[in-house]
């Protein structure tokens, strides 16, 4: 079984990496980009029967800093 975890900074938290990407895109001539938020995707290969609750626990304990980040989980 696979799980994909998307981690993003919460709204209102400054995103210096996203701002750097936005600035670089403008410098390369890509006008019209008003904002960029950068996150991360974590793919997990899990043993069959691993529950979504277990993946949630992984996120809460290690994969996301829940003070400043939010996450979503996709199971496949």
N, C-alpha and C. Protein backbone atom coordinates (compact mmCIF):
# COMPACT_ATOMS: atom_id res chain seq x y z
N UNK A 1 0.84 -1.17 0.00
CA UNK A 1 0.00 0.00 0.00
C UNK A 1 0.89 1.24 0.00
N UNK A 2 0.42 2.28 -0.66
CA UNK A 2 1.18 3.53 -0.70
C UNK A 2 0.36 4.64 -0.06
N UNK A 3 1.08 5.56 0.55
CA UNK A 3 0.46 6.78 1.07
C UNK A 3 1.29 7.95 0.57
N UNK A 4 0.58 9.00 0.21
CA UNK A 4 1.25 10.23 -0.20
C UNK A 4 0.78 11.32 0.76
N UNK A 5 1.75 11.99 1.38
CA UNK A 5 1.45 13.05 2.34
C UNK A 5 1.90 14.37 1.74
N UNK A 6 0.97 15.32 1.64
CA UNK A 6 1.27 16.67 1.16
C UNK A 6 1.36 17.58 2.38
N UNK A 7 2.50 18.24 2.53
CA UNK A 7 2.73 19.14 3.67
C UNK A 7 2.93 20.55 3.13
N UNK A 8 2.15 21.50 3.67
CA UNK A 8 2.25 22.89 3.25
C UNK A 8 2.27 23.78 4.49
N UNK A 9 2.92 24.93 4.36
CA UNK A 9 2.84 25.92 5.43
C UNK A 9 1.41 26.41 5.55
N UNK A 10 0.97 26.66 6.76
CA UNK A 10 -0.37 27.17 6.98
C UNK A 10 -0.47 28.59 6.43
N UNK A 11 -1.71 28.99 6.08
CA UNK A 11 -1.93 30.37 5.63
C UNK A 11 -1.50 31.32 6.73
N UNK A 12 -0.86 32.40 6.34
CA UNK A 12 -0.40 33.40 7.30
C UNK A 12 1.03 33.18 7.76
N UNK A 13 1.60 32.00 7.49
CA UNK A 13 2.99 31.73 7.84
C UNK A 13 3.85 32.16 6.65
N UNK A 14 4.86 32.97 6.92
CA UNK A 14 5.74 33.44 5.84
C UNK A 14 6.43 32.26 5.17
N UNK A 15 6.55 32.35 3.85
CA UNK A 15 7.15 31.28 3.05
C UNK A 15 8.31 31.87 2.26
N UNK A 16 9.50 31.98 2.86
CA UNK A 16 10.62 32.59 2.14
C UNK A 16 11.04 31.81 0.90
N UNK A 17 10.93 30.49 0.92
CA UNK A 17 11.28 29.72 -0.28
C UNK A 17 10.29 30.01 -1.41
N UNK A 18 9.03 30.05 -1.08
CA UNK A 18 8.02 30.38 -2.08
C UNK A 18 8.24 31.76 -2.66
N UNK A 19 8.59 32.73 -1.81
CA UNK A 19 8.85 34.09 -2.28
C UNK A 19 10.08 34.12 -3.18
N UNK A 20 11.11 33.35 -2.86
CA UNK A 20 12.31 33.28 -3.71
C UNK A 20 11.96 32.70 -5.08
N UNK A 21 11.11 31.68 -5.11
CA UNK A 21 10.69 31.09 -6.39
C UNK A 21 9.88 32.12 -7.19
N UNK A 22 8.96 32.83 -6.53
CA UNK A 22 8.17 33.85 -7.22
C UNK A 22 9.08 34.92 -7.84
N UNK A 23 10.06 35.37 -7.06
CA UNK A 23 11.00 36.38 -7.56
C UNK A 23 11.80 35.84 -8.74
N UNK A 24 12.29 34.60 -8.64
CA UNK A 24 13.09 34.01 -9.72
C UNK A 24 12.25 33.85 -10.99
N UNK A 25 10.99 33.45 -10.85
CA UNK A 25 10.14 33.33 -12.03
C UNK A 25 9.96 34.68 -12.72
N UNK A 26 9.78 35.73 -11.92
CA UNK A 26 9.67 37.08 -12.49
C UNK A 26 10.94 37.48 -13.22
N UNK A 27 12.09 37.14 -12.63
CA UNK A 27 13.37 37.48 -13.26
C UNK A 27 13.58 36.73 -14.57
N UNK A 28 12.94 35.56 -14.70
CA UNK A 28 13.04 34.77 -15.93
C UNK A 28 11.99 35.18 -16.96
N UNK A 29 11.22 36.20 -16.64
CA UNK A 29 10.25 36.71 -17.60
C UNK A 29 8.85 36.15 -17.46
N UNK A 30 8.59 35.38 -16.42
CA UNK A 30 7.25 34.82 -16.20
C UNK A 30 6.44 35.81 -15.37
N UNK A 31 5.85 36.77 -16.06
CA UNK A 31 5.05 37.79 -15.39
C UNK A 31 3.69 37.18 -15.00
N UNK A 32 3.08 37.79 -14.04
CA UNK A 32 1.74 37.36 -13.65
C UNK A 32 1.70 36.38 -12.51
N UNK A 33 2.84 35.94 -12.01
CA UNK A 33 2.85 35.05 -10.85
C UNK A 33 2.78 35.94 -9.62
N UNK A 34 1.64 35.92 -8.95
CA UNK A 34 1.43 36.82 -7.82
C UNK A 34 1.83 36.21 -6.48
N UNK A 35 1.95 34.92 -6.43
CA UNK A 35 2.35 34.28 -5.18
C UNK A 35 2.72 32.83 -5.40
N UNK A 36 3.63 32.33 -4.59
CA UNK A 36 4.05 30.93 -4.63
C UNK A 36 4.11 30.42 -3.20
N UNK A 37 3.55 29.26 -2.97
CA UNK A 37 3.68 28.56 -1.69
C UNK A 37 4.41 27.25 -2.01
N UNK A 38 5.48 27.00 -1.31
CA UNK A 38 6.25 25.79 -1.55
C UNK A 38 6.00 24.80 -0.42
N UNK A 39 5.83 23.55 -0.78
CA UNK A 39 5.61 22.51 0.21
C UNK A 39 6.44 21.29 -0.10
N UNK A 40 6.02 20.17 0.46
CA UNK A 40 6.74 18.93 0.19
C UNK A 40 5.74 17.79 0.08
N UNK A 41 6.14 16.77 -0.68
CA UNK A 41 5.35 15.56 -0.84
C UNK A 41 6.20 14.41 -0.33
N UNK A 42 5.62 13.60 0.54
CA UNK A 42 6.32 12.45 1.09
C UNK A 42 5.55 11.20 0.68
N UNK A 43 6.22 10.28 -0.01
CA UNK A 43 5.59 9.02 -0.42
C UNK A 43 6.08 7.91 0.50
N UNK A 44 5.13 7.17 1.02
CA UNK A 44 5.42 6.07 1.93
C UNK A 44 4.96 4.76 1.32
N UNK A 45 5.82 3.76 1.30
CA UNK A 45 5.44 2.40 0.94
C UNK A 45 5.16 1.67 2.24
N UNK A 46 3.91 1.25 2.43
CA UNK A 46 3.48 0.70 3.70
C UNK A 46 3.05 -0.76 3.55
N UNK A 47 3.16 -1.49 4.64
CA UNK A 47 2.66 -2.86 4.66
C UNK A 47 1.15 -2.85 4.52
N UNK A 48 0.60 -3.86 3.84
CA UNK A 48 -0.85 -3.96 3.72
C UNK A 48 -1.47 -3.96 5.10
N UNK A 49 -2.60 -3.26 5.20
CA UNK A 49 -3.29 -3.21 6.47
C UNK A 49 -2.91 -2.03 7.35
N UNK A 50 -1.91 -1.26 6.93
CA UNK A 50 -1.54 -0.07 7.70
C UNK A 50 -2.70 0.92 7.61
N UNK A 51 -3.14 1.42 8.73
CA UNK A 51 -4.32 2.27 8.75
C UNK A 51 -3.97 3.73 8.49
N UNK A 52 -4.99 4.48 8.06
CA UNK A 52 -4.81 5.92 7.88
C UNK A 52 -4.49 6.58 9.22
N UNK A 53 -5.03 6.03 10.30
CA UNK A 53 -4.74 6.56 11.63
C UNK A 53 -3.24 6.47 11.94
N UNK A 54 -2.60 5.39 11.48
CA UNK A 54 -1.16 5.23 11.69
C UNK A 54 -0.39 6.28 10.90
N UNK A 55 -0.81 6.54 9.67
CA UNK A 55 -0.15 7.56 8.86
C UNK A 55 -0.36 8.94 9.49
N UNK A 56 -1.55 9.18 9.99
CA UNK A 56 -1.83 10.44 10.69
C UNK A 56 -0.90 10.60 11.88
N UNK A 57 -0.70 9.54 12.63
CA UNK A 57 0.21 9.59 13.78
C UNK A 57 1.64 9.90 13.32
N UNK A 58 2.06 9.32 12.20
CA UNK A 58 3.38 9.61 11.65
C UNK A 58 3.52 11.10 11.34
N UNK A 59 2.47 11.66 10.74
CA UNK A 59 2.48 13.09 10.39
C UNK A 59 2.57 13.95 11.64
N UNK A 60 1.77 13.61 12.63
CA UNK A 60 1.71 14.41 13.86
C UNK A 60 3.03 14.35 14.64
N UNK A 61 3.71 13.21 14.58
CA UNK A 61 4.93 13.03 15.37
C UNK A 61 6.21 13.41 14.64
N UNK A 62 6.22 13.32 13.29
CA UNK A 62 7.49 13.51 12.58
C UNK A 62 7.39 14.26 11.26
N UNK A 63 6.44 13.90 10.43
CA UNK A 63 6.46 14.36 9.04
C UNK A 63 6.04 15.81 8.86
N UNK A 64 5.24 16.35 9.77
CA UNK A 64 4.79 17.74 9.66
C UNK A 64 4.95 18.44 11.01
N UNK A 65 5.34 19.69 10.96
CA UNK A 65 5.36 20.53 12.15
C UNK A 65 3.99 21.18 12.23
N UNK A 66 3.10 20.57 13.00
CA UNK A 66 1.70 20.98 12.99
C UNK A 66 1.46 22.38 13.56
N UNK A 67 2.46 23.00 14.15
CA UNK A 67 2.32 24.37 14.61
C UNK A 67 2.23 25.31 13.40
N UNK A 68 3.04 25.05 12.38
CA UNK A 68 3.10 25.95 11.23
C UNK A 68 2.73 25.28 9.91
N UNK A 69 2.54 23.96 9.90
CA UNK A 69 2.25 23.25 8.66
C UNK A 69 0.93 22.48 8.78
N UNK A 70 0.27 22.34 7.63
CA UNK A 70 -0.88 21.46 7.54
C UNK A 70 -0.52 20.33 6.59
N UNK A 71 -1.30 19.26 6.63
CA UNK A 71 -1.00 18.13 5.77
C UNK A 71 -2.29 17.45 5.33
N UNK A 72 -2.19 16.78 4.18
CA UNK A 72 -3.27 15.92 3.70
C UNK A 72 -2.66 14.57 3.37
N UNK A 73 -3.48 13.54 3.46
CA UNK A 73 -3.02 12.18 3.22
C UNK A 73 -3.84 11.58 2.09
N UNK A 74 -3.16 10.94 1.13
CA UNK A 74 -3.79 10.17 0.05
C UNK A 74 -3.35 8.72 0.21
N UNK A 75 -4.27 7.82 0.27
CA UNK A 75 -3.94 6.39 0.32
C UNK A 75 -4.23 5.76 -1.04
N UNK A 76 -3.34 4.89 -1.47
CA UNK A 76 -3.54 4.21 -2.76
C UNK A 76 -3.23 2.74 -2.63
